[in-house]
Amino acid sequence: MTDARPLPSPYSDELVTALKRRSRASLAHQHIYACLYEWRHNPPTDKEISDYVAAITGVRNSQLQRRRRDLKEVFFIENLKGHRYHLVGWLPEELAEATGISNRVRFHVLQSGACKNCGRTVREDGVKLAVDHILPQAWGGSDAEENLQPLCVDCNAGKKDYYGEFDQYGQQIQQAATYDEPHRRIAMLLKAFDGGLVPSELLGAVASMKQYQEDWQKRTRELRELGIDYQTKKRKLPSGRIVTDYALTRWVPLPDEPLAPLIRRLEREKKSDGLS
């Protein structure tokens, strides 16, 4: 069973984006994919793949077999008689998402039988559940159980489409998304853009990465209590809605202590000083 999408062309942006989501976007991976793609009507052996890659790079890749197996996290590659490898198509998303997750962990994550986002269930609504990475792997998320959740196929696809809009900012997101506190995620994302404008939609997505933040704009304003400052710029979306983008103008190192209690304390002290 494969995804119905056409296979991406070798070295295309579509291929690189797909491989980056699984941290498999090295040139070696792309060369191996190119061989499998060009030879898909006459599937190659490992030796033929090795010869193909060596003709491009001028060297033999000692990790070729491992990197070929890596591609199975994204694509369905059929093992044929004679140790030949047939690139068939995309791996279905629900299978690709769960690759590398043990059966025990997968069972435990899906045990509730309900989608974490919409609440629909397998029993009552007939939905099919997938194991989702709360923090996407392409942004530094792991296969650890605390980073996994059950999503129905519809919600999982919607999340991938939404987060996929931000893949161009993957490097900056990785510098911010792994922090537990929303204030810290917002601050580190602003810092990662080095004074450049951070799209409002991206800031909201990273703020809500581990738990939904309905008022992430308030969390952003509260960073000023710590000495961090920023400027804003209005932008009109295609829908006509006006959003505000953010650019860091002043940075101070963040303290190691939890930020939310510290901000509350600083607010109380400021209010007390104003009354005295």
Protein backbone atom coordinates (compact mmCIF):
# COMPACT_ATOMS: atom_id res chain seq x y z
CA MET A 1 0.00 0.00 0.00
CA THR A 2 1.44 3.38 -1.03
CA ASP A 3 0.47 7.02 -1.04
CA ALA A 4 -1.07 8.01 -4.39
CA ARG A 5 1.14 11.09 -4.86
CA PRO A 6 3.61 11.03 -7.77
CA LEU A 7 7.19 10.43 -6.69
CA PRO A 8 9.32 13.58 -6.41
CA SER A 9 12.06 14.17 -8.96
CA PRO A 10 15.64 13.59 -7.76
CA TYR A 11 17.20 16.60 -5.98
CA SER A 12 13.90 18.52 -6.13
CA ASP A 13 12.73 20.84 -3.35
CA GLU A 14 9.85 18.43 -2.72
CA LEU A 15 12.28 15.56 -2.11
CA VAL A 16 14.59 17.60 0.12
CA THR A 17 11.65 18.85 2.21
CA ALA A 18 10.31 15.30 2.65
CA LEU A 19 13.72 13.96 3.66
CA LYS A 20 14.38 16.85 6.04
CA ARG A 21 11.26 15.96 7.99
CA ARG A 22 12.98 12.69 8.84
CA SER A 23 16.47 14.25 9.07
CA ARG A 24 17.48 12.23 6.00
CA ALA A 25 18.38 15.00 3.55
CA SER A 26 22.13 14.45 3.10
CA LEU A 27 23.51 14.43 -0.42
CA ALA A 28 24.24 10.72 -0.01
CA HIS A 29 20.56 10.04 0.65
CA GLN A 30 19.63 12.12 -2.39
CA HIS A 31 22.13 10.31 -4.64
CA ILE A 32 20.74 6.93 -3.56
CA TYR A 33 17.19 8.14 -4.18
CA ALA A 34 18.22 9.37 -7.65
CA CYS A 35 19.53 5.90 -8.51
CA LEU A 36 16.38 4.17 -7.24
CA TYR A 37 14.21 6.67 -9.11
CA GLU A 38 16.05 6.36 -12.44
CA TRP A 39 16.26 2.56 -12.16
CA ARG A 40 12.74 1.94 -10.87
CA HIS A 41 11.83 -0.04 -14.02
CA ASN A 42 15.00 -2.15 -13.60
CA PRO A 43 15.56 -2.12 -9.83
CA PRO A 44 19.23 -1.97 -8.81
CA THR A 45 21.27 -4.03 -6.38
CA ASP A 46 23.34 -2.44 -3.61
CA LYS A 47 26.43 -2.82 -5.79
CA GLU A 48 24.74 -1.00 -8.67
CA ILE A 49 23.62 1.75 -6.29
CA SER A 50 27.16 1.99 -4.95
CA ASP A 51 28.57 2.23 -8.49
CA TYR A 52 26.01 4.92 -9.36
CA VAL A 53 26.86 7.05 -6.31
CA ALA A 54 30.60 6.56 -6.75
CA ALA A 55 30.35 7.78 -10.35
CA ILE A 56 28.87 11.04 -9.01
CA THR A 57 31.04 11.57 -5.94
CA GLY A 58 34.25 9.78 -6.86
CA VAL A 59 34.26 7.82 -3.58
CA ARG A 60 32.66 4.69 -2.17
CA ASN A 61 30.08 5.30 0.57
CA SER A 62 30.61 2.90 3.48
CA GLN A 63 27.18 3.76 4.93
CA LEU A 64 25.26 3.20 1.71
CA GLN A 65 23.11 0.29 2.92
CA ARG A 66 22.12 2.13 6.09
CA ARG A 67 21.22 5.25 4.13
CA ARG A 68 19.17 3.17 1.68
CA ARG A 69 17.25 1.76 4.66
CA ASP A 70 16.76 5.32 5.94
CA LEU A 71 14.80 6.13 2.78
CA LYS A 72 12.23 3.50 3.81
CA GLU A 73 11.07 5.94 6.48
CA VAL A 74 9.66 8.10 3.67
CA PHE A 75 9.20 5.80 0.65
CA PHE A 76 7.95 2.28 0.05
CA ILE A 77 10.97 0.40 -1.31
CA GLU A 78 10.23 -3.22 -2.17
CA ASN A 79 12.90 -5.89 -1.67
CA LEU A 80 12.92 -8.08 -4.78
CA LYS A 81 14.55 -11.41 -5.57
CA GLY A 82 18.27 -11.09 -6.12
CA HIS A 83 18.58 -8.32 -3.50
CA ARG A 84 17.20 -5.69 -5.82
CA TYR A 85 15.38 -2.63 -4.51
CA HIS A 86 12.29 -1.27 -6.23
CA LEU A 87 11.18 2.30 -5.46
CA VAL A 88 7.39 1.90 -5.54
CA GLY A 89 5.99 5.14 -4.11
CA TRP A 90 5.52 7.31 -1.05
CA LEU A 91 5.01 5.53 2.25
CA PRO A 92 1.49 6.31 3.56
CA GLU A 93 1.76 9.18 6.05
CA GLU A 94 0.36 7.22 8.99
CA LEU A 95 3.06 4.57 8.45
CA ALA A 96 5.85 7.08 7.83
CA GLU A 97 4.91 8.92 11.03
CA ALA A 98 5.17 5.76 13.12
CA THR A 99 8.41 4.42 11.62
CA GLY A 100 10.98 3.91 14.37
CA ILE A 101 8.34 3.75 17.13
CA SER A 102 8.11 0.41 18.92
CA ASN A 103 4.85 -1.55 18.89
CA ARG A 104 4.61 -1.18 22.68
CA VAL A 105 4.86 2.62 22.54
CA ARG A 106 2.52 2.80 19.56
CA PHE A 107 -0.11 0.72 21.41
CA HIS A 108 0.16 2.89 24.51
CA VAL A 109 -0.16 6.15 22.54
CA LEU A 110 -3.24 4.92 20.64
CA GLN A 111 -4.82 3.15 23.61
CA SER A 112 -7.35 5.92 24.31
CA GLY A 113 -8.95 5.33 20.91
CA ALA A 114 -9.65 9.07 20.54
CA CYS A 115 -8.11 11.90 18.54
CA LYS A 116 -6.28 14.32 20.83
CA ASN A 117 -7.34 17.27 18.66
CA CYS A 118 -10.97 16.78 17.63
CA GLY A 119 -12.02 14.14 20.17
CA ARG A 120 -13.52 11.76 17.62
CA THR A 121 -13.12 8.09 18.49
CA VAL A 122 -12.43 4.85 16.68
CA ARG A 123 -15.45 3.13 18.25
CA GLU A 124 -18.11 5.83 17.88
CA ASP A 125 -16.95 7.75 14.81
CA GLY A 126 -15.00 5.12 12.91
CA VAL A 127 -11.91 7.33 12.58
CA LYS A 128 -8.48 5.92 11.89
CA LEU A 129 -5.79 7.09 14.29
CA ALA A 130 -2.16 7.87 13.55
CA VAL A 131 0.76 8.39 15.91
CA ASP A 132 1.71 12.07 15.65
CA HIS A 133 4.89 13.81 16.79
CA ILE A 134 3.77 16.81 18.87
CA LEU A 135 7.02 18.56 18.00
CA PRO A 136 7.74 17.47 14.41
CA GLN A 137 10.94 15.51 13.90
CA ALA A 138 12.12 18.00 11.30
CA TRP A 139 12.08 20.64 14.05
CA GLY A 140 13.98 18.59 16.60
CA GLY A 141 11.19 16.39 17.95
CA SER A 142 12.03 12.86 19.10
CA ASP A 143 10.29 9.47 19.14
CA ALA A 144 10.04 9.68 22.94
CA GLU A 145 6.56 8.81 24.16
CA GLU A 146 6.04 12.23 25.75
CA ASN A 147 6.38 13.74 22.24
CA LEU A 148 3.71 11.47 20.75
CA GLN A 149 -0.06 11.80 20.62
CA PRO A 150 -2.99 10.13 18.83
CA LEU A 151 -4.51 12.12 15.98
CA CYS A 152 -7.13 11.05 13.50
CA VAL A 153 -5.92 10.92 9.91
CA ASP A 154 -7.82 14.13 9.04
CA CYS A 155 -6.34 16.15 11.92
CA ASN A 156 -2.89 14.70 11.28
CA ALA A 157 -3.03 15.74 7.62
CA GLY A 158 -4.28 19.21 8.57
CA LYS A 159 -1.44 19.66 11.07
CA LYS A 160 1.15 18.59 8.48
CA ASP A 161 -0.27 21.05 5.93
CA TYR A 162 -0.27 23.88 8.49
CA TYR A 163 3.22 23.21 9.86
CA GLY A 164 4.52 22.55 6.35
CA GLU A 165 4.03 26.25 5.59
CA PHE A 166 6.88 26.97 8.02
CA ASP A 167 9.47 24.48 6.74
CA GLN A 168 11.53 27.32 5.27
CA TYR A 169 12.13 28.49 8.86
CA GLY A 170 13.16 25.04 10.10
CA GLN A 171 16.59 26.13 11.33
CA GLN A 172 15.17 28.96 13.43
CA ILE A 173 12.34 26.79 14.75
CA GLN A 174 14.78 24.14 15.96
CA GLN A 175 16.50 26.77 18.10
CA ALA A 176 13.25 27.53 19.94
CA ALA A 177 10.72 24.72 19.77
CA THR A 178 12.27 22.25 22.20
CA TYR A 179 11.93 24.51 25.27
CA ASP A 180 9.13 23.60 27.69
CA GLU A 181 7.97 27.13 28.56
CA PRO A 182 5.96 29.19 26.03
CA HIS A 183 7.69 32.43 27.10
CA ARG A 184 11.08 30.84 26.43
CA ARG A 185 9.99 29.42 23.06
CA ILE A 186 8.76 32.85 21.95
CA ALA A 187 11.92 34.60 23.16
CA MET A 188 14.29 32.11 21.54
CA LEU A 189 12.42 32.27 18.23
CA LEU A 190 12.69 36.06 18.18
CA LYS A 191 16.42 35.70 18.91
CA ALA A 192 16.87 33.07 16.18
CA PHE A 193 15.68 35.55 13.54
CA ASP A 194 18.47 37.94 14.58
CA GLY A 195 16.39 41.10 14.28
CA GLY A 196 14.44 39.95 11.22
CA LEU A 197 10.65 39.92 11.14
CA VAL A 198 9.06 36.80 12.58
CA PRO A 199 5.70 36.00 10.90
CA SER A 200 2.85 36.25 13.36
CA GLU A 201 1.50 32.82 12.35
CA LEU A 202 4.87 31.20 13.02
CA LEU A 203 5.27 32.85 16.41
CA GLY A 204 1.82 31.62 17.42
CA ALA A 205 2.55 28.09 16.18
CA VAL A 206 5.84 27.82 18.10
CA ALA A 207 4.28 29.38 21.22
CA SER A 208 1.61 26.65 21.10
CA MET A 209 4.01 23.84 20.19
CA LYS A 210 3.68 21.85 23.41
CA GLN A 211 0.44 23.27 24.76
CA TYR A 212 -2.04 25.57 23.02
CA GLN A 213 -1.55 29.24 23.92
CA GLU A 214 -4.77 31.14 23.21
CA ASP A 215 -3.17 34.46 24.16
CA TRP A 216 0.40 34.04 22.94
CA GLN A 217 0.48 37.78 22.15
CA LYS A 218 0.17 38.46 25.90
CA ARG A 219 3.05 36.06 26.57
CA THR A 220 5.09 38.01 24.01
CA ARG A 221 4.32 41.36 25.66
CA GLU A 222 5.27 39.91 29.04
CA LEU A 223 8.84 39.34 27.80
CA ARG A 224 9.35 43.09 28.22
CA GLU A 225 9.26 42.52 31.98
CA LEU A 226 12.54 40.61 31.50
CA GLY A 227 14.18 43.40 29.50
CA ILE A 228 13.54 41.89 26.08
CA ASP A 229 12.03 44.28 23.54
CA TYR A 230 10.81 44.15 19.96
CA GLN A 231 9.16 46.21 17.27
CA THR A 232 6.09 45.25 15.26
CA LYS A 233 4.93 45.63 11.69
CA LYS A 234 1.42 45.19 10.33
CA ARG A 235 0.86 42.82 7.42
CA LYS A 236 -2.28 42.06 5.39
CA LEU A 237 -3.03 38.40 4.68
CA PRO A 238 -4.61 37.25 1.37
CA SER A 239 -7.86 36.80 3.33
CA GLY A 240 -7.81 40.51 4.18
CA ARG A 241 -7.04 39.97 7.86
CA ILE A 242 -4.36 42.19 9.37
CA VAL A 243 -1.66 40.47 11.44
CA THR A 244 1.33 41.78 13.36
CA ASP A 245 4.87 40.51 12.78
CA TYR A 246 7.62 40.87 15.37
CA ALA A 247 11.34 41.77 15.22
CA LEU A 248 13.71 41.63 18.20
CA THR A 249 15.32 44.98 19.07
CA ARG A 250 16.83 44.21 22.49
CA TRP A 251 18.02 40.92 23.93
CA VAL A 252 19.07 39.98 27.43
CA PRO A 253 20.09 36.47 28.55
CA LEU A 254 17.19 34.54 30.00
CA PRO A 255 17.46 33.39 33.62
CA ASP A 256 17.49 29.66 34.35
CA GLU A 257 14.49 29.84 36.69
CA PRO A 258 10.93 29.33 35.36
CA LEU A 259 9.89 32.47 33.52
CA ALA A 260 6.15 32.69 34.22
CA PRO A 261 6.50 32.94 38.05
CA LEU A 262 9.39 35.37 37.61
CA ILE A 263 7.30 37.61 35.34
CA ARG A 264 4.38 37.55 37.82
CA ARG A 265 6.77 38.55 40.60
CA LEU A 266 8.25 41.40 38.58
CA GLU A 267 4.74 42.64 37.73
CA ARG A 268 3.76 42.65 41.40
CA GLU A 269 6.93 44.51 42.36
CA LYS A 270 6.33 47.14 39.68
CA LYS A 271 2.74 47.59 40.83
CA SER A 272 3.87 47.88 44.46
CA ASP A 273 6.52 50.46 43.55
CA GLY A 274 3.90 52.47 41.70
CA LEU A 275 1.68 52.60 44.79
CA SER A 276 4.45 53.60 47.18
